[in-house]
Structure formats: C-alpha cells, structure tokens
Amino acid sequence: MSQVVLNISRIGCSDVIQLVSGSYIRSRLRVPTREVAVLGLVLCLLQVMDGILTAAGVNMFGVSAEGNVLLRYLMEQIGLIPALAAAKCAAIAATVTLCMLATQVSWISRALKGVIAIYLLAAIVPWTFILVSGN
C-alpha cells in the first residue's frame, strides 16, 4: 500500500490533468498490430458463431446438450439467451483486453492463434456437425 501511495505522490499536476481528461490513459495504450487486430476480430466472430450454434443446439436438444457445466448451470438459472449473452460478452471483453495487451506481452498473438484453433475444433466444428446431422 505504501508503494502505491508513493507512486501516486510522484504524479505531477500535468499528469493529473491528463488523467482526468483521459489522454493519460490513451497515451499509455498502444494500438495492436494488424495481425493481432485480425486475430482478435476472428476470435470475436467465432464467439458470436459459437453463441448462435449453441443456441440452436440447445433449442433442438435441450440444455443437457451444452458441454460446459458452468454455462449449462447459468442457462438453467437465468435462461438460454441471458446466459449466452453474458458468457459471450465476457469472452469478447477478454479478447479485446488481450489484444490491447499484445503490444506489451509477446506471446499473446501466439495464444490467440491457439485459442482460435481450439474454438474451431472444440466448439464450431462439433456444433455444426451435430446440427447438420441432427444427432
């Protein structure tokens, strides 16, 4: 706690003005590279697709068709659409946060690629197959 107070005490008047105006925060954030922005966009689109496919699957087969125990519990407690909306909004917020941090953490772009591959193999392809085959 004392270290935080010490660091805050070193902020000058111009820093406070920048902090209040929002330019302080904007000047500290770096714009992600084109690759990271594309990866983030792809992952966000996969989240939306997964939400649509999950809604279709749960409507067709019931809540028990959802493999994620936490999501299944939320669906049972608050309903299909609110649960999916909350989960997908949280996932998209996490994706945006990771993309913003990618300029400072070198491995995030590789992690985004891995998450995209996992989402395709563990969510999009299986739900698509299940819905097309009707099993």
N, C-alpha and C. Protein backbone atom coordinates (compact mmCIF):
# COMPACT_ATOMS: atom_id res chain seq x y z
N MET A 1 0.82 -1.19 0.00
CA MET A 1 0.00 0.00 0.00
C MET A 1 0.87 1.25 0.00
N SER A 2 1.96 1.25 0.78
CA SER A 2 2.81 2.43 0.84
C SER A 2 3.47 2.70 -0.51
N GLN A 3 3.76 1.64 -1.25
CA GLN A 3 4.37 1.81 -2.57
C GLN A 3 3.38 2.49 -3.52
N VAL A 4 2.11 2.13 -3.44
CA VAL A 4 1.09 2.76 -4.27
C VAL A 4 0.96 4.23 -3.93
N VAL A 5 0.95 4.54 -2.63
CA VAL A 5 0.86 5.93 -2.21
C VAL A 5 2.08 6.70 -2.68
N LEU A 6 3.26 6.09 -2.58
CA LEU A 6 4.48 6.74 -3.03
C LEU A 6 4.42 7.01 -4.52
N ASN A 7 3.98 6.05 -5.30
CA ASN A 7 3.88 6.24 -6.74
C ASN A 7 2.86 7.31 -7.09
N ILE A 8 1.74 7.35 -6.39
CA ILE A 8 0.74 8.37 -6.64
C ILE A 8 1.28 9.75 -6.28
N SER A 9 2.09 9.84 -5.23
CA SER A 9 2.61 11.13 -4.82
C SER A 9 3.61 11.69 -5.83
N ARG A 10 4.13 10.87 -6.71
CA ARG A 10 5.09 11.33 -7.71
C ARG A 10 4.40 11.85 -8.97
N ILE A 11 3.09 11.74 -9.05
CA ILE A 11 2.37 12.24 -10.21
C ILE A 11 2.33 13.75 -10.14
N GLY A 12 2.73 14.38 -11.22
CA GLY A 12 2.72 15.84 -11.27
C GLY A 12 1.36 16.38 -11.63
N CYS A 13 1.22 17.69 -11.57
CA CYS A 13 -0.04 18.36 -11.87
C CYS A 13 -0.46 18.10 -13.31
N SER A 14 0.47 18.13 -14.24
CA SER A 14 0.12 17.89 -15.64
C SER A 14 -0.36 16.46 -15.85
N ASP A 15 0.21 15.51 -15.09
CA ASP A 15 -0.24 14.12 -15.17
C ASP A 15 -1.68 13.98 -14.69
N VAL A 16 -2.02 14.71 -13.62
CA VAL A 16 -3.38 14.66 -13.09
C VAL A 16 -4.35 15.22 -14.12
N ILE A 17 -3.99 16.32 -14.76
CA ILE A 17 -4.84 16.91 -15.79
C ILE A 17 -5.03 15.93 -16.94
N GLN A 18 -3.95 15.28 -17.37
CA GLN A 18 -4.05 14.29 -18.45
C GLN A 18 -4.90 13.10 -18.01
N LEU A 19 -4.75 12.68 -16.76
CA LEU A 19 -5.52 11.54 -16.25
C LEU A 19 -7.01 11.86 -16.24
N VAL A 20 -7.35 13.05 -15.79
CA VAL A 20 -8.76 13.46 -15.75
C VAL A 20 -9.32 13.57 -17.16
N SER A 21 -8.56 14.10 -18.08
CA SER A 21 -9.06 14.28 -19.45
C SER A 21 -9.10 12.98 -20.24
N GLY A 22 -8.42 11.95 -19.76
CA GLY A 22 -8.40 10.67 -20.46
C GLY A 22 -7.22 10.52 -21.40
N SER A 23 -6.49 11.59 -21.68
CA SER A 23 -5.37 11.48 -22.62
C SER A 23 -4.21 10.71 -21.99
N TYR A 24 -4.11 10.69 -20.68
CA TYR A 24 -3.05 9.95 -19.99
C TYR A 24 -3.18 8.46 -20.30
N ILE A 25 -4.40 7.95 -20.17
CA ILE A 25 -4.64 6.53 -20.43
C ILE A 25 -4.44 6.22 -21.90
N ARG A 26 -4.99 7.07 -22.78
CA ARG A 26 -4.83 6.83 -24.22
C ARG A 26 -3.37 6.85 -24.64
N SER A 27 -2.55 7.70 -24.02
CA SER A 27 -1.15 7.78 -24.40
C SER A 27 -0.37 6.55 -23.94
N ARG A 28 -0.88 5.83 -22.93
CA ARG A 28 -0.21 4.64 -22.41
C ARG A 28 -0.62 3.37 -23.17
N LEU A 29 -1.76 3.41 -23.85
CA LEU A 29 -2.20 2.25 -24.61
C LEU A 29 -1.61 2.28 -26.01
N ARG A 30 -1.12 1.17 -26.44
CA ARG A 30 -0.58 1.09 -27.79
C ARG A 30 -1.58 0.37 -28.67
N VAL A 31 -1.64 0.79 -29.92
CA VAL A 31 -2.55 0.17 -30.88
C VAL A 31 -1.97 -1.20 -31.24
N PRO A 32 -2.81 -2.24 -31.21
CA PRO A 32 -2.32 -3.57 -31.58
C PRO A 32 -1.89 -3.61 -33.04
N THR A 33 -1.01 -4.54 -33.36
CA THR A 33 -0.59 -4.71 -34.74
C THR A 33 -1.77 -5.19 -35.57
N ARG A 34 -1.64 -5.11 -36.87
CA ARG A 34 -2.69 -5.57 -37.77
C ARG A 34 -2.98 -7.05 -37.54
N GLU A 35 -1.92 -7.85 -37.35
CA GLU A 35 -2.11 -9.28 -37.12
C GLU A 35 -2.94 -9.53 -35.87
N VAL A 36 -2.61 -8.85 -34.78
CA VAL A 36 -3.35 -9.04 -33.53
C VAL A 36 -4.79 -8.56 -33.69
N ALA A 37 -4.99 -7.46 -34.39
CA ALA A 37 -6.35 -6.95 -34.61
C ALA A 37 -7.18 -7.96 -35.41
N VAL A 38 -6.58 -8.56 -36.43
CA VAL A 38 -7.29 -9.56 -37.24
C VAL A 38 -7.58 -10.81 -36.40
N LEU A 39 -6.59 -11.26 -35.63
CA LEU A 39 -6.81 -12.42 -34.76
C LEU A 39 -7.92 -12.14 -33.75
N GLY A 40 -7.92 -10.96 -33.17
CA GLY A 40 -8.97 -10.59 -32.23
C GLY A 40 -10.34 -10.55 -32.88
N LEU A 41 -10.40 -9.99 -34.09
CA LEU A 41 -11.66 -9.94 -34.81
C LEU A 41 -12.16 -11.35 -35.14
N VAL A 42 -11.27 -12.22 -35.58
CA VAL A 42 -11.64 -13.60 -35.89
C VAL A 42 -12.16 -14.29 -34.63
N LEU A 43 -11.48 -14.11 -33.51
CA LEU A 43 -11.91 -14.75 -32.27
C LEU A 43 -13.26 -14.20 -31.82
N CYS A 44 -13.49 -12.91 -31.96
CA CYS A 44 -14.79 -12.33 -31.61
C CYS A 44 -15.89 -12.90 -32.51
N LEU A 45 -15.62 -13.03 -33.80
CA LEU A 45 -16.60 -13.62 -34.71
C LEU A 45 -16.88 -15.08 -34.36
N LEU A 46 -15.84 -15.82 -33.97
CA LEU A 46 -16.05 -17.20 -33.54
C LEU A 46 -16.91 -17.27 -32.29
N GLN A 47 -16.74 -16.30 -31.40
CA GLN A 47 -17.57 -16.25 -30.19
C GLN A 47 -19.05 -16.08 -30.57
N VAL A 48 -19.30 -15.18 -31.50
CA VAL A 48 -20.68 -14.94 -31.94
C VAL A 48 -21.23 -16.19 -32.62
N MET A 49 -20.43 -16.80 -33.50
CA MET A 49 -20.87 -18.02 -34.18
C MET A 49 -21.15 -19.13 -33.16
N ASP A 50 -20.29 -19.27 -32.18
CA ASP A 50 -20.48 -20.29 -31.16
C ASP A 50 -21.77 -20.03 -30.38
N GLY A 51 -22.04 -18.78 -30.09
CA GLY A 51 -23.28 -18.44 -29.39
C GLY A 51 -24.51 -18.82 -30.20
N ILE A 52 -24.47 -18.53 -31.50
CA ILE A 52 -25.60 -18.86 -32.38
C ILE A 52 -25.76 -20.38 -32.49
N LEU A 53 -24.66 -21.08 -32.70
CA LEU A 53 -24.73 -22.54 -32.82
C LEU A 53 -25.17 -23.18 -31.50
N THR A 54 -24.68 -22.66 -30.39
CA THR A 54 -25.08 -23.19 -29.09
C THR A 54 -26.57 -22.97 -28.86
N ALA A 55 -27.07 -21.79 -29.19
CA ALA A 55 -28.49 -21.51 -29.02
C ALA A 55 -29.33 -22.47 -29.86
N ALA A 56 -28.90 -22.68 -31.11
CA ALA A 56 -29.63 -23.61 -31.98
C ALA A 56 -29.59 -25.02 -31.42
N GLY A 57 -28.42 -25.46 -30.96
CA GLY A 57 -28.29 -26.80 -30.41
C GLY A 57 -29.09 -27.01 -29.15
N VAL A 58 -29.08 -26.03 -28.27
CA VAL A 58 -29.83 -26.15 -27.02
C VAL A 58 -31.33 -26.10 -27.30
N ASN A 59 -31.74 -25.27 -28.26
CA ASN A 59 -33.16 -25.26 -28.64
C ASN A 59 -33.60 -26.59 -29.21
N MET A 60 -32.71 -27.24 -29.97
CA MET A 60 -33.04 -28.51 -30.61
C MET A 60 -32.98 -29.69 -29.64
N PHE A 61 -31.96 -29.72 -28.79
CA PHE A 61 -31.70 -30.90 -27.96
C PHE A 61 -31.87 -30.69 -26.46
N GLY A 62 -32.07 -29.45 -26.03
CA GLY A 62 -32.21 -29.18 -24.61
C GLY A 62 -30.90 -28.73 -23.99
N VAL A 63 -31.00 -28.22 -22.77
CA VAL A 63 -29.85 -27.66 -22.06
C VAL A 63 -28.77 -28.72 -21.81
N SER A 64 -29.19 -29.97 -21.69
CA SER A 64 -28.22 -31.04 -21.42
C SER A 64 -27.23 -31.23 -22.57
N ALA A 65 -27.52 -30.66 -23.75
CA ALA A 65 -26.60 -30.77 -24.88
C ALA A 65 -25.37 -29.88 -24.71
N GLU A 66 -25.45 -28.90 -23.84
CA GLU A 66 -24.32 -28.00 -23.60
C GLU A 66 -23.26 -28.72 -22.79
N GLY A 67 -22.04 -28.73 -23.28
CA GLY A 67 -20.95 -29.44 -22.63
C GLY A 67 -20.30 -28.67 -21.49
N ASN A 68 -20.40 -27.36 -21.50
CA ASN A 68 -19.80 -26.53 -20.46
C ASN A 68 -20.72 -26.51 -19.24
N VAL A 69 -20.24 -27.07 -18.15
CA VAL A 69 -21.06 -27.21 -16.95
C VAL A 69 -21.50 -25.85 -16.40
N LEU A 70 -20.60 -24.88 -16.37
CA LEU A 70 -20.94 -23.56 -15.86
C LEU A 70 -22.00 -22.90 -16.74
N LEU A 71 -21.81 -22.98 -18.04
CA LEU A 71 -22.78 -22.38 -18.96
C LEU A 71 -24.13 -23.09 -18.86
N ARG A 72 -24.11 -24.40 -18.72
CA ARG A 72 -25.35 -25.16 -18.56
C ARG A 72 -26.08 -24.72 -17.28
N TYR A 73 -25.33 -24.55 -16.21
CA TYR A 73 -25.92 -24.09 -14.94
C TYR A 73 -26.54 -22.69 -15.12
N LEU A 74 -25.82 -21.79 -15.77
CA LEU A 74 -26.35 -20.45 -16.00
C LEU A 74 -27.61 -20.50 -16.85
N MET A 75 -27.62 -21.35 -17.87
CA MET A 75 -28.81 -21.48 -18.71
C MET A 75 -30.01 -21.94 -17.89
N GLU A 76 -29.78 -22.87 -16.98
CA GLU A 76 -30.87 -23.36 -16.14
C GLU A 76 -31.35 -22.31 -15.16
N GLN A 77 -30.44 -21.43 -14.71
CA GLN A 77 -30.79 -20.43 -13.70
C GLN A 77 -31.41 -19.17 -14.30
N ILE A 78 -30.82 -18.66 -15.38
CA ILE A 78 -31.27 -17.35 -15.90
C ILE A 78 -31.82 -17.43 -17.32
N GLY A 79 -31.75 -18.58 -17.94
CA GLY A 79 -32.28 -18.72 -19.29
C GLY A 79 -31.18 -18.79 -20.34
N LEU A 80 -31.56 -19.30 -21.49
CA LEU A 80 -30.61 -19.54 -22.58
C LEU A 80 -29.97 -18.26 -23.09
N ILE A 81 -30.77 -17.32 -23.53
CA ILE A 81 -30.23 -16.10 -24.15
C ILE A 81 -29.43 -15.25 -23.15
N PRO A 82 -29.94 -14.99 -21.93
CA PRO A 82 -29.13 -14.21 -20.99
C PRO A 82 -27.80 -14.89 -20.64
N ALA A 83 -27.82 -16.21 -20.50
CA ALA A 83 -26.58 -16.93 -20.17
C ALA A 83 -25.58 -16.84 -21.31
N LEU A 84 -26.06 -17.07 -22.53
CA LEU A 84 -25.16 -16.99 -23.69
C LEU A 84 -24.64 -15.56 -23.89
N ALA A 85 -25.53 -14.59 -23.75
CA ALA A 85 -25.11 -13.19 -23.91
C ALA A 85 -24.05 -12.81 -22.89
N ALA A 86 -24.25 -13.20 -21.64
CA ALA A 86 -23.27 -12.88 -20.59
C ALA A 86 -21.93 -13.56 -20.87
N ALA A 87 -21.98 -14.84 -21.24
CA ALA A 87 -20.74 -15.58 -21.49
C ALA A 87 -20.00 -15.03 -22.69
N LYS A 88 -20.72 -14.73 -23.76
CA LYS A 88 -20.06 -14.25 -24.98
C LYS A 88 -19.56 -12.82 -24.82
N CYS A 89 -20.30 -11.99 -24.10
CA CYS A 89 -19.81 -10.62 -23.83
C CYS A 89 -18.54 -10.66 -22.99
N ALA A 90 -18.50 -11.53 -22.01
CA ALA A 90 -17.30 -11.67 -21.18
C ALA A 90 -16.12 -12.16 -22.02
N ALA A 91 -16.38 -13.13 -22.91
CA ALA A 91 -15.31 -13.66 -23.76
C ALA A 91 -14.80 -12.60 -24.74
N ILE A 92 -15.71 -11.81 -25.29
CA ILE A 92 -15.30 -10.75 -26.22
C ILE A 92 -14.53 -9.67 -25.47
N ALA A 93 -14.95 -9.33 -24.27
CA ALA A 93 -14.22 -8.34 -23.46
C ALA A 93 -12.82 -8.85 -23.14
N ALA A 94 -12.69 -10.13 -22.83
CA ALA A 94 -11.37 -10.71 -22.56
C ALA A 94 -10.51 -10.68 -23.82
N THR A 95 -11.11 -10.94 -24.97
CA THR A 95 -10.37 -10.91 -26.23
C THR A 95 -9.85 -9.51 -26.52
N VAL A 96 -10.71 -8.51 -26.35
CA VAL A 96 -10.29 -7.12 -26.58
C VAL A 96 -9.16 -6.75 -25.63
N THR A 97 -9.29 -7.15 -24.37
CA THR A 97 -8.24 -6.86 -23.39
C THR A 97 -6.92 -7.50 -23.79
N LEU A 98 -6.98 -8.76 -24.21
CA LEU A 98 -5.76 -9.44 -24.64
C LEU A 98 -5.14 -8.75 -25.85
N CYS A 99 -5.96 -8.31 -26.78
CA CYS A 99 -5.43 -7.62 -27.96
C CYS A 99 -4.74 -6.32 -27.56
N MET A 100 -5.30 -5.61 -26.59
CA MET A 100 -4.66 -4.37 -26.13
C MET A 100 -3.34 -4.66 -25.40
N LEU A 101 -3.27 -5.79 -24.72
CA LEU A 101 -2.04 -6.15 -24.00
C LEU A 101 -0.99 -6.77 -24.92
N ALA A 102 -1.38 -7.14 -26.12
CA ALA A 102 -0.47 -7.84 -27.03
C ALA A 102 0.75 -7.00 -27.41
N THR A 103 0.65 -5.69 -27.31
CA THR A 103 1.81 -4.86 -27.63
C THR A 103 2.87 -4.93 -26.53
N GLN A 104 2.46 -5.37 -25.34
CA GLN A 104 3.38 -5.45 -24.22
C GLN A 104 3.79 -6.87 -23.87
N VAL A 105 3.00 -7.85 -24.30
CA VAL A 105 3.27 -9.25 -23.98
C VAL A 105 3.40 -10.01 -25.30
N SER A 106 4.59 -10.47 -25.58
CA SER A 106 4.89 -11.00 -26.92
C SER A 106 4.16 -12.29 -27.26
N TRP A 107 3.83 -13.11 -26.29
CA TRP A 107 3.24 -14.41 -26.58
C TRP A 107 1.74 -14.37 -26.81
N ILE A 108 1.10 -13.24 -26.63
CA ILE A 108 -0.36 -13.17 -26.75
C ILE A 108 -0.83 -13.49 -28.17
N SER A 109 -0.12 -13.03 -29.18
CA SER A 109 -0.57 -13.33 -30.55
C SER A 109 -0.54 -14.83 -30.82
N ARG A 110 0.47 -15.53 -30.30
CA ARG A 110 0.51 -16.99 -30.45
C ARG A 110 -0.62 -17.64 -29.67
N ALA A 111 -0.92 -17.11 -28.50
CA ALA A 111 -2.02 -17.65 -27.69
C ALA A 111 -3.35 -17.46 -28.40
N LEU A 112 -3.54 -16.30 -29.02
CA LEU A 112 -4.78 -16.05 -29.76
C LEU A 112 -4.96 -17.06 -30.89
N LYS A 113 -3.87 -17.37 -31.57
CA LYS A 113 -3.93 -18.38 -32.63
C LYS A 113 -4.33 -19.74 -32.07
N GLY A 114 -3.78 -20.09 -30.92
CA GLY A 114 -4.13 -21.35 -30.27
C GLY A 114 -5.58 -21.40 -29.85
N VAL A 115 -6.07 -20.30 -29.29
CA VAL A 115 -7.47 -20.25 -28.86
C VAL A 115 -8.41 -20.35 -30.06
N ILE A 116 -8.03 -19.71 -31.16
CA ILE A 116 -8.84 -19.82 -32.39
C ILE A 116 -8.90 -21.27 -32.84
N ALA A 117 -7.77 -21.95 -32.86
CA ALA A 117 -7.75 -23.36 -33.28
C ALA A 117 -8.60 -24.22 -32.34
N ILE A 118 -8.48 -23.98 -31.04
CA ILE A 118 -9.27 -24.75 -30.08
C ILE A 118 -10.76 -24.48 -30.28
N TYR A 119 -11.13 -23.23 -30.48
CA TYR A 119 -12.54 -22.90 -30.68
C TYR A 119 -13.09 -23.57 -31.93
N LEU A 120 -12.30 -23.56 -32.99
CA LEU A 120 -12.77 -24.21 -34.22
C LEU A 120 -12.96 -25.71 -33.99
N LEU A 121 -11.98 -26.34 -33.35
CA LEU A 121 -12.01 -27.79 -33.19
C LEU A 121 -12.94 -28.27 -32.08
N ALA A 122 -13.11 -27.47 -31.03
CA ALA A 122 -13.89 -27.93 -29.88
C ALA A 122 -15.29 -27.34 -29.80
N ALA A 123 -15.58 -26.32 -30.58
CA ALA A 123 -16.91 -25.69 -30.48
C ALA A 123 -17.60 -25.58 -31.84
N ILE A 124 -16.98 -24.91 -32.77
CA ILE A 124 -17.64 -24.61 -34.05
C ILE A 124 -17.87 -25.88 -34.86
N VAL A 125 -16.83 -26.66 -35.09
CA VAL A 125 -16.97 -27.87 -35.91
C VAL A 125 -17.92 -28.88 -35.26
N PRO A 126 -17.78 -29.18 -33.95
CA PRO A 126 -18.72 -30.14 -33.36
C PRO A 126 -20.19 -29.69 -33.41
N TRP A 127 -20.46 -28.42 -33.05
CA TRP A 127 -21.84 -27.95 -33.09
C TRP A 127 -22.37 -27.98 -34.52
N THR A 128 -21.57 -27.59 -35.48
CA THR A 128 -22.00 -27.61 -36.88
C THR A 128 -22.34 -29.04 -37.30
N PHE A 129 -21.47 -29.97 -36.97
CA PHE A 129 -21.70 -31.38 -37.32
C PHE A 129 -22.98 -31.89 -36.65
N ILE A 130 -23.15 -31.61 -35.37
CA ILE A 130 -24.34 -32.07 -34.62
C ILE A 130 -25.61 -31.49 -35.22
N LEU A 131 -25.60 -30.20 -35.53
CA LEU A 131 -26.80 -29.56 -36.06
C LEU A 131 -27.13 -30.02 -37.48
N VAL A 132 -26.11 -30.24 -38.30
CA VAL A 132 -26.34 -30.68 -39.67
C VAL A 132 -26.84 -32.12 -39.70
N SER A 133 -26.24 -32.95 -38.86
CA SER A 133 -26.63 -34.37 -38.87
C SER A 133 -27.91 -34.62 -38.06
N GLY A 134 -28.26 -33.69 -37.17
CA GLY A 134 -29.47 -33.84 -36.38
C GLY A 134 -29.35 -34.88 -35.27
N ASN A 135 -28.13 -35.26 -34.95
CA ASN A 135 -27.91 -36.25 -33.86
C ASN A 135 -27.60 -35.50 -32.62
